[in-house]
Amino acid sequence: MGYLALKSGRTEDGGGVLAWLASGSGLILLALMAAGLLAYGLWRLIEAWIDSAGRGSDAKGLAARAGGALSGIVHLGLAGAAALHVVGTDGGGGGDSAEAGARTALDLPGGGAMLVLVAAILLVTGLVQLANAWTLGFLRHLGGGPEARRWMSWIGRAGYLARGIVFLIMGWFFWRAGSEGSSAQAGGPADALSSLPDTLQTLVAAGLLLFGLFSFAEAWFRRIDGRAAGAVAHALG
């Protein structure tokens, strides 16, 4: 997302990025991404369910776990979209996916309340991202020496700040969609980026790009507690 926005001012959500990769020579990368997105989505759902991060069952902990579960669902959807693109089927993950999802929710009883709940989760998740950027809380999960942690702290802080802004804007979009009963008000990451003034859009896109680089570092340096890994293995078994 960050690369496309910086390169050409093109704002896309996850599905749009997958479609862009499928239109070129990125099918091998898409296949790898489908497997990785599937694993990541399952991990986030299991982590939220068994509370392997020890967030607790108070309001703050439940909100953080709900945000993790929502992230897991989103990534499972992206895994499916990537797999469909690999086999030559349109994944249907265009820029209107948030609006389509909101429209489906509004067709259900209590759909407006459901969207407001989604908005609340997105807003809390955005605030958690900003808190991570401020406190460098993400470093507690990472290994590596002082030099590695120093550069990871800077790219991680920029990435979490950008993500926090995007989540807050999405939360506002869904809040309006739920409170006004209008699916047209809903919006995803692409809509959040495109709603920003040009200079701020460039800064947030750069932050998203840096978060991508941070995610590679996190995959390498991430420490997973042995008890948490055992709980995940038990849940899968």
C-alpha atoms as a PDB file:
ATOM      1  CA  MET A   1       0.000   0.000   0.000  1.00  0.00           C
ATOM      2  CA  GLY A   2       2.726   2.410   0.990  1.00  0.00           C
ATOM      3  CA  TYR A   3       4.784   1.706  -2.131  1.00  0.00           C
ATOM      4  CA  LEU A   4       1.883   2.311  -4.529  1.00  0.00           C
ATOM      5  CA  ALA A   5       0.839   5.494  -2.746  1.00  0.00           C
ATOM      6  CA  LEU A   6       4.389   6.866  -2.815  1.00  0.00           C
ATOM      7  CA  LYS A   7       5.120   5.731  -6.366  1.00  0.00           C
ATOM      8  CA  SER A   8       2.023   7.028  -8.104  1.00  0.00           C
ATOM      9  CA  GLY A   9      -0.402   8.383  -5.525  1.00  0.00           C
ATOM     10  CA  ARG A  10      -2.504   5.239  -6.033  1.00  0.00           C
ATOM     11  CA  THR A  11      -4.337   4.282  -2.845  1.00  0.00           C
ATOM     12  CA  GLU A  12      -5.333   0.621  -2.562  1.00  0.00           C
ATOM     13  CA  ASP A  13      -6.524  -1.639   0.222  1.00  0.00           C
ATOM     14  CA  GLY A  14      -5.123  -5.136   0.710  1.00  0.00           C
ATOM     15  CA  GLY A  15      -7.341  -6.656  -1.961  1.00  0.00           C
ATOM     16  CA  GLY A  16      -6.358  -3.978  -4.452  1.00  0.00           C
ATOM     17  CA  VAL A  17      -2.677  -4.644  -3.825  1.00  0.00           C
ATOM     18  CA  LEU A  18      -3.232  -8.359  -4.424  1.00  0.00           C
ATOM     19  CA  ALA A  19      -4.992  -7.609  -7.713  1.00  0.00           C
ATOM     20  CA  TRP A  20      -2.102  -5.345  -8.730  1.00  0.00           C
ATOM     21  CA  LEU A  21       0.394  -8.135  -8.046  1.00  0.00           C
ATOM     22  CA  ALA A  22      -1.724 -10.642  -9.977  1.00  0.00           C
ATOM     23  CA  SER A  23      -1.778  -8.353 -13.009  1.00  0.00           C
ATOM     24  CA  GLY A  24       2.012  -8.535 -13.286  1.00  0.00           C
ATOM     25  CA  SER A  25       4.576 -11.243 -12.618  1.00  0.00           C
ATOM     26  CA  GLY A  26       3.895 -11.624  -8.910  1.00  0.00           C
ATOM     27  CA  LEU A  27       2.070 -14.974  -8.854  1.00  0.00           C
ATOM     28  CA  ILE A  28       4.861 -16.782  -6.981  1.00  0.00           C
ATOM     29  CA  LEU A  29       4.957 -13.979  -4.446  1.00  0.00           C
ATOM     30  CA  LEU A  30       1.151 -14.140  -4.199  1.00  0.00           C
ATOM     31  CA  ALA A  31       1.290 -17.876  -3.461  1.00  0.00           C
ATOM     32  CA  LEU A  32       3.809 -17.289  -0.684  1.00  0.00           C
ATOM     33  CA  MET A  33       1.710 -14.421   0.636  1.00  0.00           C
ATOM     34  CA  ALA A  34      -1.430 -16.599   0.657  1.00  0.00           C
ATOM     35  CA  ALA A  35       0.327 -19.172   2.850  1.00  0.00           C
ATOM     36  CA  GLY A  36       1.767 -16.493   5.115  1.00  0.00           C
ATOM     37  CA  LEU A  37      -1.533 -14.614   5.426  1.00  0.00           C
ATOM     38  CA  LEU A  38      -3.323 -17.860   6.296  1.00  0.00           C
ATOM     39  CA  ALA A  39      -0.789 -18.651   9.015  1.00  0.00           C
ATOM     40  CA  TYR A  40      -0.851 -15.099  10.356  1.00  0.00           C
ATOM     41  CA  GLY A  41      -4.653 -14.946  10.406  1.00  0.00           C
ATOM     42  CA  LEU A  42      -4.909 -18.230  12.311  1.00  0.00           C
ATOM     43  CA  TRP A  43      -2.215 -17.104  14.742  1.00  0.00           C
ATOM     44  CA  ARG A  44      -4.026 -13.844  15.533  1.00  0.00           C
ATOM     45  CA  LEU A  45      -7.331 -15.651  16.118  1.00  0.00           C
ATOM     46  CA  ILE A  46      -5.775 -18.284  18.374  1.00  0.00           C
ATOM     47  CA  GLU A  47      -3.732 -15.651  20.198  1.00  0.00           C
ATOM     48  CA  ALA A  48      -6.901 -13.651  20.890  1.00  0.00           C
ATOM     49  CA  TRP A  49      -8.841 -16.747  21.988  1.00  0.00           C
ATOM     50  CA  ILE A  50      -6.299 -18.219  24.422  1.00  0.00           C
ATOM     51  CA  ASP A  51      -4.804 -14.825  25.376  1.00  0.00           C
ATOM     52  CA  SER A  52      -1.250 -16.012  24.796  1.00  0.00           C
ATOM     53  CA  ALA A  53      -0.016 -12.406  25.142  1.00  0.00           C
ATOM     54  CA  GLY A  54      -1.510 -12.178  28.649  1.00  0.00           C
ATOM     55  CA  ARG A  55      -3.712  -9.160  27.984  1.00  0.00           C
ATOM     56  CA  GLY A  56      -6.311 -10.271  30.510  1.00  0.00           C
ATOM     57  CA  SER A  57     -10.099 -10.222  30.597  1.00  0.00           C
ATOM     58  CA  ASP A  58     -10.732  -6.666  31.738  1.00  0.00           C
ATOM     59  CA  ALA A  59     -12.202  -4.095  29.351  1.00  0.00           C
ATOM     60  CA  LYS A  60      -8.799  -3.005  28.049  1.00  0.00           C
ATOM     61  CA  GLY A  61      -7.591  -6.566  27.559  1.00  0.00           C
ATOM     62  CA  LEU A  62     -10.778  -7.692  25.843  1.00  0.00           C
ATOM     63  CA  ALA A  63     -10.647  -4.688  23.509  1.00  0.00           C
ATOM     64  CA  ALA A  64      -7.053  -5.512  22.542  1.00  0.00           C
ATOM     65  CA  ARG A  65      -7.941  -9.167  22.001  1.00  0.00           C
ATOM     66  CA  ALA A  66     -10.981  -8.192  19.914  1.00  0.00           C
ATOM     67  CA  GLY A  67      -8.720  -6.041  17.762  1.00  0.00           C
ATOM     68  CA  GLY A  68      -6.389  -9.006  17.314  1.00  0.00           C
ATOM     69  CA  ALA A  69      -9.310 -11.248  16.352  1.00  0.00           C
ATOM     70  CA  LEU A  70     -10.547  -8.692  13.828  1.00  0.00           C
ATOM     71  CA  SER A  71      -7.036  -8.543  12.374  1.00  0.00           C
ATOM     72  CA  GLY A  72      -7.048 -12.336  12.095  1.00  0.00           C
ATOM     73  CA  ILE A  73     -10.362 -12.344  10.209  1.00  0.00           C
ATOM     74  CA  VAL A  74      -9.131  -9.643   7.825  1.00  0.00           C
ATOM     75  CA  HIS A  75      -5.916 -11.555   7.100  1.00  0.00           C
ATOM     76  CA  LEU A  76      -7.795 -14.813   6.499  1.00  0.00           C
ATOM     77  CA  GLY A  77      -9.921 -12.944   3.965  1.00  0.00           C
ATOM     78  CA  LEU A  78      -6.780 -11.616   2.293  1.00  0.00           C
ATOM     79  CA  ALA A  79      -5.320 -15.144   2.245  1.00  0.00           C
ATOM     80  CA  GLY A  80      -8.405 -16.375   0.409  1.00  0.00           C
ATOM     81  CA  ALA A  81      -8.264 -13.461  -2.036  1.00  0.00           C
ATOM     82  CA  ALA A  82      -4.576 -14.107  -2.739  1.00  0.00           C
ATOM     83  CA  ALA A  83      -5.244 -17.818  -3.326  1.00  0.00           C
ATOM     84  CA  LEU A  84      -8.078 -17.011  -5.753  1.00  0.00           C
ATOM     85  CA  HIS A  85      -5.810 -14.660  -7.706  1.00  0.00           C
ATOM     86  CA  VAL A  86      -3.129 -17.371  -7.899  1.00  0.00           C
ATOM     87  CA  VAL A  87      -5.543 -19.840  -9.510  1.00  0.00           C
ATOM     88  CA  GLY A  88      -6.771 -17.183 -11.928  1.00  0.00           C
ATOM     89  CA  THR A  89     -10.042 -16.243 -10.247  1.00  0.00           C
ATOM     90  CA  ASP A  90     -10.910 -12.655  -9.409  1.00  0.00           C
ATOM     91  CA  GLY A  91     -10.525 -12.352  -5.645  1.00  0.00           C
ATOM     92  CA  GLY A  92     -13.131  -9.618  -5.496  1.00  0.00           C
ATOM     93  CA  GLY A  93     -11.000  -7.557  -3.120  1.00  0.00           C
ATOM     94  CA  GLY A  94     -11.441  -4.145  -4.704  1.00  0.00           C
ATOM     95  CA  GLY A  95     -11.515  -0.777  -3.067  1.00  0.00           C
ATOM     96  CA  ASP A  96     -15.290  -1.023  -2.300  1.00  0.00           C
ATOM     97  CA  SER A  97     -14.937  -4.069  -0.018  1.00  0.00           C
ATOM     98  CA  ALA A  98     -15.542  -2.015   3.133  1.00  0.00           C
ATOM     99  CA  GLU A  99     -18.679  -0.478   1.660  1.00  0.00           C
ATOM    100  CA  ALA A 100     -19.910  -3.885   0.479  1.00  0.00           C
ATOM    101  CA  GLY A 101     -19.331  -5.363   3.928  1.00  0.00           C
ATOM    102  CA  ALA A 102     -21.151  -2.457   5.553  1.00  0.00           C
ATOM    103  CA  ARG A 103     -24.057  -2.873   3.118  1.00  0.00           C
ATOM    104  CA  THR A 104     -24.325  -6.556   4.014  1.00  0.00           C
ATOM    105  CA  ALA A 105     -24.276  -5.716   7.736  1.00  0.00           C
ATOM    106  CA  LEU A 106     -26.977  -3.080   7.359  1.00  0.00           C
ATOM    107  CA  ASP A 107     -29.244  -5.647   5.687  1.00  0.00           C
ATOM    108  CA  LEU A 108     -29.162  -7.677   8.915  1.00  0.00           C
ATOM    109  CA  PRO A 109     -31.146  -6.977  12.104  1.00  0.00           C
ATOM    110  CA  GLY A 110     -29.109  -4.651  14.294  1.00  0.00           C
ATOM    111  CA  GLY A 111     -26.694  -4.003  11.431  1.00  0.00           C
ATOM    112  CA  GLY A 112     -26.164  -0.384  12.436  1.00  0.00           C
ATOM    113  CA  ALA A 113     -25.149  -1.452  15.949  1.00  0.00           C
ATOM    114  CA  MET A 114     -22.791  -4.041  14.448  1.00  0.00           C
ATOM    115  CA  LEU A 115     -21.053  -1.346  12.420  1.00  0.00           C
ATOM    116  CA  VAL A 116     -20.770   0.901  15.472  1.00  0.00           C
ATOM    117  CA  LEU A 117     -19.163  -2.020  17.329  1.00  0.00           C
ATOM    118  CA  VAL A 118     -16.710  -2.527  14.445  1.00  0.00           C
ATOM    119  CA  ALA A 119     -15.996   1.203  14.576  1.00  0.00           C
ATOM    120  CA  ALA A 120     -15.298   1.034  18.307  1.00  0.00           C
ATOM    121  CA  ILE A 121     -12.885  -1.877  17.791  1.00  0.00           C
ATOM    122  CA  LEU A 122     -11.100   0.005  15.005  1.00  0.00           C
ATOM    123  CA  LEU A 123     -10.843   3.168  17.109  1.00  0.00           C
ATOM    124  CA  VAL A 124      -9.453   1.277  20.106  1.00  0.00           C
ATOM    125  CA  THR A 125      -7.046  -0.595  17.836  1.00  0.00           C
ATOM    126  CA  GLY A 126      -5.878   2.725  16.389  1.00  0.00           C
ATOM    127  CA  LEU A 127      -5.262   4.109  19.861  1.00  0.00           C
ATOM    128  CA  VAL A 128      -3.311   0.962  20.772  1.00  0.00           C
ATOM    129  CA  GLN A 129      -1.158   1.448  17.663  1.00  0.00           C
ATOM    130  CA  LEU A 130      -0.454   5.060  18.652  1.00  0.00           C
ATOM    131  CA  ALA A 131       0.353   3.984  22.226  1.00  0.00           C
ATOM    132  CA  ASN A 132       2.806   1.412  20.831  1.00  0.00           C
ATOM    133  CA  ALA A 133       4.464   4.144  18.769  1.00  0.00           C
ATOM    134  CA  TRP A 134       4.760   6.401  21.826  1.00  0.00           C
ATOM    135  CA  THR A 135       5.915   3.835  24.395  1.00  0.00           C
ATOM    136  CA  LEU A 136       7.876   1.534  22.036  1.00  0.00           C
ATOM    137  CA  GLY A 137       5.881  -1.302  23.587  1.00  0.00           C
ATOM    138  CA  PHE A 138       6.470  -3.466  20.506  1.00  0.00           C
ATOM    139  CA  LEU A 139      10.132  -3.833  21.479  1.00  0.00           C
ATOM    140  CA  ARG A 140       9.275  -6.074  24.421  1.00  0.00           C
ATOM    141  CA  HIS A 141       8.540  -8.899  21.980  1.00  0.00           C
ATOM    142  CA  LEU A 142      11.790  -8.495  20.037  1.00  0.00           C
ATOM    143  CA  GLY A 143      15.264  -9.882  20.517  1.00  0.00           C
ATOM    144  CA  GLY A 144      18.428  -8.668  18.838  1.00  0.00           C
ATOM    145  CA  GLY A 145      21.310  -6.549  20.062  1.00  0.00           C
ATOM    146  CA  PRO A 146      21.269  -2.842  20.978  1.00  0.00           C
ATOM    147  CA  GLU A 147      22.061  -1.704  17.429  1.00  0.00           C
ATOM    148  CA  ALA A 148      19.289  -3.801  15.877  1.00  0.00           C
ATOM    149  CA  ARG A 149      16.786  -2.636  18.485  1.00  0.00           C
ATOM    150  CA  ARG A 150      17.775   0.974  17.851  1.00  0.00           C
ATOM    151  CA  TRP A 151      16.862   0.970  14.154  1.00  0.00           C
ATOM    152  CA  MET A 152      13.858  -1.282  14.744  1.00  0.00           C
ATOM    153  CA  SER A 153      12.545   1.222  17.281  1.00  0.00           C
ATOM    154  CA  TRP A 154      12.564   4.019  14.703  1.00  0.00           C
ATOM    155  CA  ILE A 155      10.992   2.159  11.785  1.00  0.00           C
ATOM    156  CA  GLY A 156       8.532   0.461  14.155  1.00  0.00           C
ATOM    157  CA  ARG A 157       7.525   3.774  15.709  1.00  0.00           C
ATOM    158  CA  ALA A 158       6.916   5.330  12.275  1.00  0.00           C
ATOM    159  CA  GLY A 159       4.978   2.261  11.154  1.00  0.00           C
ATOM    160  CA  TYR A 160       2.749   2.052  14.221  1.00  0.00           C
ATOM    161  CA  LEU A 161       2.058   5.779  14.021  1.00  0.00           C
ATOM    162  CA  ALA A 162       0.935   5.437  10.389  1.00  0.00           C
ATOM    163  CA  ARG A 163      -1.195   2.396  11.176  1.00  0.00           C
ATOM    164  CA  GLY A 164      -2.779   4.177  14.109  1.00  0.00           C
ATOM    165  CA  ILE A 165      -3.839   7.067  11.884  1.00  0.00           C
ATOM    166  CA  VAL A 166      -5.308   4.700   9.285  1.00  0.00           C
ATOM    167  CA  PHE A 167      -7.236   2.689  11.902  1.00  0.00           C
ATOM    168  CA  LEU A 168      -8.644   5.838  13.513  1.00  0.00           C
ATOM    169  CA  ILE A 169      -9.883   7.167  10.171  1.00  0.00           C
ATOM    170  CA  MET A 170     -11.441   3.796   9.317  1.00  0.00           C
ATOM    171  CA  GLY A 171     -13.104   3.760  12.727  1.00  0.00           C
ATOM    172  CA  TRP A 172     -14.591   7.182  12.041  1.00  0.00           C
ATOM    173  CA  PHE A 173     -15.841   5.999   8.645  1.00  0.00           C
ATOM    174  CA  PHE A 174     -17.570   2.941  10.145  1.00  0.00           C
ATOM    175  CA  TRP A 175     -18.961   5.003  13.011  1.00  0.00           C
ATOM    176  CA  ARG A 176     -20.687   7.280  10.503  1.00  0.00           C
ATOM    177  CA  ALA A 177     -21.875   4.287   8.477  1.00  0.00           C
ATOM    178  CA  GLY A 178     -23.449   2.686  11.542  1.00  0.00           C
ATOM    179  CA  SER A 179     -24.912   5.806  13.113  1.00  0.00           C
ATOM    180  CA  GLU A 180     -26.297   7.156   9.812  1.00  0.00           C
ATOM    181  CA  GLY A 181     -27.291   3.765   8.388  1.00  0.00           C
ATOM    182  CA  SER A 182     -25.353   4.486   5.193  1.00  0.00           C
ATOM    183  CA  SER A 183     -22.908   1.938   3.789  1.00  0.00           C
ATOM    184  CA  ALA A 184     -21.462   4.654   1.535  1.00  0.00           C
ATOM    185  CA  GLN A 185     -19.854   6.206   4.619  1.00  0.00           C
ATOM    186  CA  ALA A 186     -17.767   3.084   5.336  1.00  0.00           C
ATOM    187  CA  GLY A 187     -14.188   2.948   4.134  1.00  0.00           C
ATOM    188  CA  GLY A 188     -11.076   0.809   4.218  1.00  0.00           C
ATOM    189  CA  PRO A 189      -7.356   1.627   4.257  1.00  0.00           C
ATOM    190  CA  ALA A 190      -7.417   3.005   0.709  1.00  0.00           C
ATOM    191  CA  ASP A 191     -10.234   5.378   1.583  1.00  0.00           C
ATOM    192  CA  ALA A 192      -8.431   6.413   4.757  1.00  0.00           C
ATOM    193  CA  LEU A 193      -5.275   7.233   2.799  1.00  0.00           C
ATOM    194  CA  SER A 194      -7.087   9.084   0.036  1.00  0.00           C
ATOM    195  CA  SER A 195      -8.966  11.209   2.585  1.00  0.00           C
ATOM    196  CA  LEU A 196      -5.714  12.775   3.796  1.00  0.00           C
ATOM    197  CA  PRO A 197      -4.132  15.964   2.421  1.00  0.00           C
ATOM    198  CA  ASP A 198      -1.319  15.229  -0.051  1.00  0.00           C
ATOM    199  CA  THR A 199       1.575  15.902   2.333  1.00  0.00           C
ATOM    200  CA  LEU A 200       0.078  13.888   5.181  1.00  0.00           C
ATOM    201  CA  GLN A 201      -0.855  11.107   2.754  1.00  0.00           C
ATOM    202  CA  THR A 202       2.789  10.885   1.667  1.00  0.00           C
ATOM    203  CA  LEU A 203       3.984  10.733   5.284  1.00  0.00           C
ATOM    204  CA  VAL A 204       1.458   8.059   6.261  1.00  0.00           C
ATOM    205  CA  ALA A 205       2.249   6.030   3.114  1.00  0.00           C
ATOM    206  CA  ALA A 206       5.947   6.204   3.994  1.00  0.00           C
ATOM    207  CA  GLY A 207       5.073   5.019   7.500  1.00  0.00           C
ATOM    208  CA  LEU A 208       3.150   2.047   6.097  1.00  0.00           C
ATOM    209  CA  LEU A 209       6.119   1.174   3.904  1.00  0.00           C
ATOM    210  CA  LEU A 210       8.387   1.319   6.948  1.00  0.00           C
ATOM    211  CA  PHE A 211       5.962  -0.891   8.863  1.00  0.00           C
ATOM    212  CA  GLY A 212       6.331  -3.459   6.105  1.00  0.00           C
ATOM    213  CA  LEU A 213      10.098  -3.388   6.583  1.00  0.00           C
ATOM    214  CA  PHE A 214       9.607  -3.591  10.361  1.00  0.00           C
ATOM    215  CA  SER A 215       7.415  -6.669   9.880  1.00  0.00           C
ATOM    216  CA  PHE A 216      10.287  -8.458   8.122  1.00  0.00           C
ATOM    217  CA  ALA A 217      12.519  -7.612  11.084  1.00  0.00           C
ATOM    218  CA  GLU A 218       9.848  -8.729  13.537  1.00  0.00           C
ATOM    219  CA  ALA A 219       9.503 -12.079  11.763  1.00  0.00           C
ATOM    220  CA  TRP A 220      13.234 -12.613  12.339  1.00  0.00           C
ATOM    221  CA  PHE A 221      13.677 -11.170  15.837  1.00  0.00           C
ATOM    222  CA  ARG A 222      10.266 -11.917  17.406  1.00  0.00           C
ATOM    223  CA  ARG A 223      10.447 -13.769  20.743  1.00  0.00           C
ATOM    224  CA  ILE A 224       7.588 -16.202  21.353  1.00  0.00           C
ATOM    225  CA  ASP A 225       7.136 -17.356  24.933  1.00  0.00           C
ATOM    226  CA  GLY A 226       7.491 -21.121  25.238  1.00  0.00           C
ATOM    227  CA  ARG A 227       4.291 -21.397  27.273  1.00  0.00           C
ATOM    228  CA  ALA A 228       2.392 -19.397  24.653  1.00  0.00           C
ATOM    229  CA  ALA A 229       3.768 -21.595  21.868  1.00  0.00           C
ATOM    230  CA  GLY A 230       2.694 -24.667  23.841  1.00  0.00           C
ATOM    231  CA  ALA A 231      -0.801 -23.233  24.287  1.00  0.00           C
ATOM    232  CA  VAL A 232      -1.073 -22.558  20.560  1.00  0.00           C
ATOM    233  CA  ALA A 233       0.107 -26.105  19.746  1.00  0.00           C
ATOM    234  CA  HIS A 234      -2.455 -27.470  22.213  1.00  0.00           C
ATOM    235  CA  ALA A 235      -5.227 -25.369  20.657  1.00  0.00           C
ATOM    236  CA  LEU A 236      -4.293 -26.615  17.170  1.00  0.00           C
ATOM    237  CA  GLY A 237      -4.015 -30.229  18.387  1.00  0.00           C
END
